[in-house]
Amino acid sequence: MSYTEKSRIKDIVFALDNFDIKKAMEKFSMKECQKANIYPDIWNCEDEIDKIKEELIDIIPPR
């Protein structure tokens, strides 16, 4: 279980509104995701990097 303090919501919304997914994809690293233990554990599938990037962009559409 987790929660977010009400006082942080404004900053979180601002960060999400200003997140540049295309710029983030330029620096995207499967190895860094694997080191950070980001779920799901798909980060050793280097041959699927283009598909994974597309899926991430679909989740967070470019602004």
PDB file of N, CA and C in Angstrom:
ATOM      1  N   MET A   1       0.834  -1.151   0.000  1.00  0.00           N
ATOM      2  CA  MET A   1       0.000   0.000   0.000  1.00  0.00           C
ATOM      3  C   MET A   1       0.895   1.234   0.000  1.00  0.00           C
ATOM      4  N   SER A   2       0.457   2.237  -0.698  1.00  0.00           N
ATOM      5  CA  SER A   2       1.182   3.502  -0.705  1.00  0.00           C
ATOM      6  C   SER A   2       0.186   4.643  -0.861  1.00  0.00           C
ATOM      7  N   TYR A   3       0.672   5.831  -0.643  1.00  0.00           N
ATOM      8  CA  TYR A   3      -0.167   7.008  -0.789  1.00  0.00           C
ATOM      9  C   TYR A   3       0.705   8.197  -1.159  1.00  0.00           C
ATOM     10  N   THR A   4       0.067   9.254  -1.593  1.00  0.00           N
ATOM     11  CA  THR A   4       0.758  10.492  -1.937  1.00  0.00           C
ATOM     12  C   THR A   4       0.173  11.608  -1.080  1.00  0.00           C
ATOM     13  N   GLU A   5       1.053  12.358  -0.482  1.00  0.00           N
ATOM     14  CA  GLU A   5       0.596  13.498   0.311  1.00  0.00           C
ATOM     15  C   GLU A   5      -0.141  14.486  -0.591  1.00  0.00           C
ATOM     16  N   LYS A   6      -1.239  14.999  -0.102  1.00  0.00           N
ATOM     17  CA  LYS A   6      -2.046  15.957  -0.858  1.00  0.00           C
ATOM     18  C   LYS A   6      -1.200  17.142  -1.330  1.00  0.00           C
ATOM     19  N   SER A   7      -0.246  17.559  -0.537  1.00  0.00           N
ATOM     20  CA  SER A   7       0.587  18.716  -0.878  1.00  0.00           C
ATOM     21  C   SER A   7       1.501  18.450  -2.077  1.00  0.00           C
ATOM     22  N   ARG A   8       1.695  17.194  -2.461  1.00  0.00           N
ATOM     23  CA  ARG A   8       2.577  16.858  -3.581  1.00  0.00           C
ATOM     24  C   ARG A   8       1.843  16.739  -4.910  1.00  0.00           C
ATOM     25  N   ILE A   9       0.534  16.665  -4.886  1.00  0.00           N
ATOM     26  CA  ILE A   9      -0.250  16.433  -6.102  1.00  0.00           C
ATOM     27  C   ILE A   9       0.027  17.488  -7.168  1.00  0.00           C
ATOM     28  N   LYS A  10       0.048  18.747  -6.784  1.00  0.00           N
ATOM     29  CA  LYS A  10       0.281  19.836  -7.738  1.00  0.00           C
ATOM     30  C   LYS A  10       1.609  19.644  -8.474  1.00  0.00           C
ATOM     31  N   ASP A  11       2.675  19.292  -7.753  1.00  0.00           N
ATOM     32  CA  ASP A  11       3.992  19.081  -8.368  1.00  0.00           C
ATOM     33  C   ASP A  11       4.001  17.863  -9.284  1.00  0.00           C
ATOM     34  N   ILE A  12       3.297  16.826  -8.885  1.00  0.00           N
ATOM     35  CA  ILE A  12       3.231  15.605  -9.702  1.00  0.00           C
ATOM     36  C   ILE A  12       2.505  15.893 -11.013  1.00  0.00           C
ATOM     37  N   VAL A  13       1.378  16.584 -10.931  1.00  0.00           N
ATOM     38  CA  VAL A  13       0.618  16.926 -12.135  1.00  0.00           C
ATOM     39  C   VAL A  13       1.459  17.806 -13.054  1.00  0.00           C
ATOM     40  N   PHE A  14       2.167  18.776 -12.489  1.00  0.00           N
ATOM     41  CA  PHE A  14       3.026  19.644 -13.290  1.00  0.00           C
ATOM     42  C   PHE A  14       4.101  18.822 -14.008  1.00  0.00           C
ATOM     43  N   ALA A  15       4.744  17.909 -13.287  1.00  0.00           N
ATOM     44  CA  ALA A  15       5.800  17.076 -13.887  1.00  0.00           C
ATOM     45  C   ALA A  15       5.243  16.207 -15.007  1.00  0.00           C
ATOM     46  N   LEU A  16       4.081  15.625 -14.801  1.00  0.00           N
ATOM     47  CA  LEU A  16       3.477  14.791 -15.840  1.00  0.00           C
ATOM     48  C   LEU A  16       3.067  15.617 -17.056  1.00  0.00           C
ATOM     49  N   ASP A  17       2.518  16.803 -16.814  1.00  0.00           N
ATOM     50  CA  ASP A  17       2.111  17.669 -17.926  1.00  0.00           C
ATOM     51  C   ASP A  17       3.303  18.131 -18.761  1.00  0.00           C
ATOM     52  N   ASN A  18       4.471  18.196 -18.159  1.00  0.00           N
ATOM     53  CA  ASN A  18       5.651  18.703 -18.850  1.00  0.00           C
ATOM     54  C   ASN A  18       6.658  17.618 -19.236  1.00  0.00           C
ATOM     55  N   PHE A  19       6.267  16.364 -19.089  1.00  0.00           N
ATOM     56  CA  PHE A  19       7.150  15.247 -19.431  1.00  0.00           C
ATOM     57  C   PHE A  19       7.188  15.067 -20.943  1.00  0.00           C
ATOM     58  N   ASP A  20       8.379  15.042 -21.516  1.00  0.00           N
ATOM     59  CA  ASP A  20       8.567  14.888 -22.963  1.00  0.00           C
ATOM     60  C   ASP A  20       8.982  13.447 -23.254  1.00  0.00           C
ATOM     61  N   ILE A  21       8.012  12.615 -23.634  1.00  0.00           N
ATOM     62  CA  ILE A  21       8.272  11.189 -23.856  1.00  0.00           C
ATOM     63  C   ILE A  21       9.244  10.978 -25.018  1.00  0.00           C
ATOM     64  N   LYS A  22       9.155  11.797 -26.062  1.00  0.00           N
ATOM     65  CA  LYS A  22      10.077  11.619 -27.195  1.00  0.00           C
ATOM     66  C   LYS A  22      11.519  11.878 -26.764  1.00  0.00           C
ATOM     67  N   LYS A  23      11.731  12.911 -25.973  1.00  0.00           N
ATOM     68  CA  LYS A  23      13.067  13.210 -25.471  1.00  0.00           C
ATOM     69  C   LYS A  23      13.549  12.087 -24.542  1.00  0.00           C
ATOM     70  N   ALA A  24      12.644  11.579 -23.724  1.00  0.00           N
ATOM     71  CA  ALA A  24      12.991  10.486 -22.816  1.00  0.00           C
ATOM     72  C   ALA A  24      13.390   9.235 -23.601  1.00  0.00           C
ATOM     73  N   MET A  25      12.725   8.989 -24.714  1.00  0.00           N
ATOM     74  CA  MET A  25      13.034   7.806 -25.516  1.00  0.00           C
ATOM     75  C   MET A  25      14.404   7.921 -26.178  1.00  0.00           C
ATOM     76  N   GLU A  26      14.890   9.142 -26.387  1.00  0.00           N
ATOM     77  CA  GLU A  26      16.229   9.319 -26.958  1.00  0.00           C
ATOM     78  C   GLU A  26      17.301   8.806 -25.999  1.00  0.00           C
ATOM     79  N   LYS A  27      17.016   8.870 -24.707  1.00  0.00           N
ATOM     80  CA  LYS A  27      17.981   8.444 -23.695  1.00  0.00           C
ATOM     81  C   LYS A  27      17.606   7.103 -23.067  1.00  0.00           C
ATOM     82  N   PHE A  28      16.562   6.459 -23.574  1.00  0.00           N
ATOM     83  CA  PHE A  28      16.038   5.226 -23.003  1.00  0.00           C
ATOM     84  C   PHE A  28      17.085   4.126 -22.980  1.00  0.00           C
ATOM     85  N   SER A  29      17.178   3.434 -21.856  1.00  0.00           N
ATOM     86  CA  SER A  29      18.148   2.354 -21.703  1.00  0.00           C
ATOM     87  C   SER A  29      17.491   1.132 -21.067  1.00  0.00           C
ATOM     88  N   MET A  30      17.477   0.050 -21.808  1.00  0.00           N
ATOM     89  CA  MET A  30      16.942  -1.210 -21.279  1.00  0.00           C
ATOM     90  C   MET A  30      17.773  -1.658 -20.077  1.00  0.00           C
ATOM     91  N   LYS A  31      19.093  -1.463 -20.152  1.00  0.00           N
ATOM     92  CA  LYS A  31      19.977  -1.878 -19.058  1.00  0.00           C
ATOM     93  C   LYS A  31      19.667  -1.109 -17.777  1.00  0.00           C
ATOM     94  N   GLU A  32      19.380   0.198 -17.909  1.00  0.00           N
ATOM     95  CA  GLU A  32      19.046   1.004 -16.730  1.00  0.00           C
ATOM     96  C   GLU A  32      17.720   0.550 -16.118  1.00  0.00           C
ATOM     97  N   CYS A  33      16.770   0.185 -16.951  1.00  0.00           N
ATOM     98  CA  CYS A  33      15.489  -0.333 -16.447  1.00  0.00           C
ATOM     99  C   CYS A  33      15.709  -1.645 -15.706  1.00  0.00           C
ATOM    100  N   GLN A  34      16.570  -2.487 -16.256  1.00  0.00           N
ATOM    101  CA  GLN A  34      16.872  -3.761 -15.620  1.00  0.00           C
ATOM    102  C   GLN A  34      17.580  -3.535 -14.278  1.00  0.00           C
ATOM    103  N   LYS A  35      18.551  -2.611 -14.241  1.00  0.00           N
ATOM    104  CA  LYS A  35      19.263  -2.311 -12.990  1.00  0.00           C
ATOM    105  C   LYS A  35      18.315  -1.783 -11.924  1.00  0.00           C
ATOM    106  N   ALA A  36      17.307  -1.038 -12.340  1.00  0.00           N
ATOM    107  CA  ALA A  36      16.354  -0.446 -11.401  1.00  0.00           C
ATOM    108  C   ALA A  36      15.244  -1.423 -11.000  1.00  0.00           C
ATOM    109  N   ASN A  37      15.300  -2.633 -11.550  1.00  0.00           N
ATOM    110  CA  ASN A  37      14.287  -3.662 -11.251  1.00  0.00           C
ATOM    111  C   ASN A  37      12.873  -3.172 -11.543  1.00  0.00           C
ATOM    112  N   ILE A  38      12.711  -2.498 -12.672  1.00  0.00           N
ATOM    113  CA  ILE A  38      11.398  -1.985 -13.056  1.00  0.00           C
ATOM    114  C   ILE A  38      10.539  -3.143 -13.560  1.00  0.00           C
ATOM    115  N   TYR A  39       9.327  -3.209 -13.051  1.00  0.00           N
ATOM    116  CA  TYR A  39       8.360  -4.241 -13.444  1.00  0.00           C
ATOM    117  C   TYR A  39       7.707  -3.845 -14.766  1.00  0.00           C
ATOM    118  N   PRO A  40       7.455  -4.773 -15.661  1.00  0.00           N
ATOM    119  CA  PRO A  40       7.792  -6.190 -15.646  1.00  0.00           C
ATOM    120  C   PRO A  40       9.233  -6.423 -16.091  1.00  0.00           C
ATOM    121  N   ASP A  41       9.729  -7.583 -15.811  1.00  0.00           N
ATOM    122  CA  ASP A  41      11.123  -7.913 -16.104  1.00  0.00           C
ATOM    123  C   ASP A  41      11.269  -8.306 -17.581  1.00  0.00           C
ATOM    124  N   ILE A  42      11.234  -7.287 -18.445  1.00  0.00           N
ATOM    125  CA  ILE A  42      11.342  -7.507 -19.903  1.00  0.00           C
ATOM    126  C   ILE A  42      12.592  -6.841 -20.465  1.00  0.00           C
ATOM    127  N   TRP A  43      13.424  -6.333 -19.602  1.00  0.00           N
ATOM    128  CA  TRP A  43      14.514  -5.444 -20.027  1.00  0.00           C
ATOM    129  C   TRP A  43      15.726  -6.166 -20.599  1.00  0.00           C
ATOM    130  N   ASN A  44      15.722  -7.485 -20.603  1.00  0.00           N
ATOM    131  CA  ASN A  44      16.822  -8.213 -21.231  1.00  0.00           C
ATOM    132  C   ASN A  44      16.452  -8.656 -22.653  1.00  0.00           C
ATOM    133  N   CYS A  45      15.339  -8.160 -23.163  1.00  0.00           N
ATOM    134  CA  CYS A  45      14.866  -8.506 -24.510  1.00  0.00           C
ATOM    135  C   CYS A  45      15.278  -7.415 -25.498  1.00  0.00           C
ATOM    136  N   GLU A  46      16.569  -7.238 -25.676  1.00  0.00           N
ATOM    137  CA  GLU A  46      17.088  -6.161 -26.537  1.00  0.00           C
ATOM    138  C   GLU A  46      16.521  -6.212 -27.959  1.00  0.00           C
ATOM    139  N   ASP A  47      16.173  -7.405 -28.434  1.00  0.00           N
ATOM    140  CA  ASP A  47      15.638  -7.518 -29.787  1.00  0.00           C
ATOM    141  C   ASP A  47      14.222  -6.946 -29.894  1.00  0.00           C
ATOM    142  N   GLU A  48      13.604  -6.621 -28.765  1.00  0.00           N
ATOM    143  CA  GLU A  48      12.250  -6.067 -28.764  1.00  0.00           C
ATOM    144  C   GLU A  48      12.220  -4.596 -28.358  1.00  0.00           C
ATOM    145  N   ILE A  49      13.373  -3.930 -28.381  1.00  0.00           N
ATOM    146  CA  ILE A  49      13.457  -2.556 -27.900  1.00  0.00           C
ATOM    147  C   ILE A  49      12.511  -1.618 -28.643  1.00  0.00           C
ATOM    148  N   ASP A  50      12.385  -1.766 -29.953  1.00  0.00           N
ATOM    149  CA  ASP A  50      11.493  -0.878 -30.713  1.00  0.00           C
ATOM    150  C   ASP A  50      10.036  -1.073 -30.300  1.00  0.00           C
ATOM    151  N   LYS A  51       9.634  -2.314 -30.108  1.00  0.00           N
ATOM    152  CA  LYS A  51       8.261  -2.615 -29.673  1.00  0.00           C
ATOM    153  C   LYS A  51       8.010  -2.048 -28.276  1.00  0.00           C
ATOM    154  N   ILE A  52       8.963  -2.209 -27.381  1.00  0.00           N
ATOM    155  CA  ILE A  52       8.820  -1.708 -26.013  1.00  0.00           C
ATOM    156  C   ILE A  52       8.722  -0.190 -26.012  1.00  0.00           C
ATOM    157  N   LYS A  53       9.551   0.481 -26.808  1.00  0.00           N
ATOM    158  CA  LYS A  53       9.487   1.941 -26.904  1.00  0.00           C
ATOM    159  C   LYS A  53       8.117   2.395 -27.422  1.00  0.00           C
ATOM    160  N   GLU A  54       7.608   1.714 -28.445  1.00  0.00           N
ATOM    161  CA  GLU A  54       6.292   2.053 -28.995  1.00  0.00           C
ATOM    162  C   GLU A  54       5.218   1.930 -27.920  1.00  0.00           C
ATOM    163  N   GLU A  55       5.287   0.857 -27.141  1.00  0.00           N
ATOM    164  CA  GLU A  55       4.297   0.650 -26.083  1.00  0.00           C
ATOM    165  C   GLU A  55       4.399   1.742 -25.016  1.00  0.00           C
ATOM    166  N   LEU A  56       5.605   2.149 -24.681  1.00  0.00           N
ATOM    167  CA  LEU A  56       5.768   3.220 -23.703  1.00  0.00           C
ATOM    168  C   LEU A  56       5.208   4.537 -24.239  1.00  0.00           C
ATOM    169  N   ILE A  57       5.445   4.820 -25.502  1.00  0.00           N
ATOM    170  CA  ILE A  57       4.918   6.038 -26.110  1.00  0.00           C
ATOM    171  C   ILE A  57       3.392   5.993 -26.152  1.00  0.00           C
ATOM    172  N   ASP A  58       2.817   4.811 -26.388  1.00  0.00           N
ATOM    173  CA  ASP A  58       1.356   4.687 -26.394  1.00  0.00           C
ATOM    174  C   ASP A  58       0.767   4.969 -25.017  1.00  0.00           C
ATOM    175  N   ILE A  59       1.498   4.605 -23.975  1.00  0.00           N
ATOM    176  CA  ILE A  59       1.028   4.843 -22.605  1.00  0.00           C
ATOM    177  C   ILE A  59       1.097   6.327 -22.278  1.00  0.00           C
ATOM    178  N   ILE A  60       2.171   6.974 -22.716  1.00  0.00           N
ATOM    179  CA  ILE A  60       2.379   8.398 -22.450  1.00  0.00           C
ATOM    180  C   ILE A  60       2.487   9.117 -23.803  1.00  0.00           C
ATOM    181  N   PRO A  61       1.364   9.543 -24.349  1.00  0.00           N
ATOM    182  CA  PRO A  61       1.395  10.175 -25.667  1.00  0.00           C
ATOM    183  C   PRO A  61       2.261  11.445 -25.684  1.00  0.00           C
ATOM    184  N   PRO A  62       2.952  11.700 -26.792  1.00  0.00           N
ATOM    185  CA  PRO A  62       3.762  12.917 -26.910  1.00  0.00           C
ATOM    186  C   PRO A  62       2.897  14.168 -26.792  1.00  0.00           C
ATOM    187  N   ARG A  63       3.467  15.225 -26.253  1.00  0.00           N
ATOM    188  CA  ARG A  63       2.739  16.495 -26.101  1.00  0.00           C
ATOM    189  C   ARG A  63       3.142  17.429 -27.217  1.00  0.00           C
TER     190      ARG A  63
END
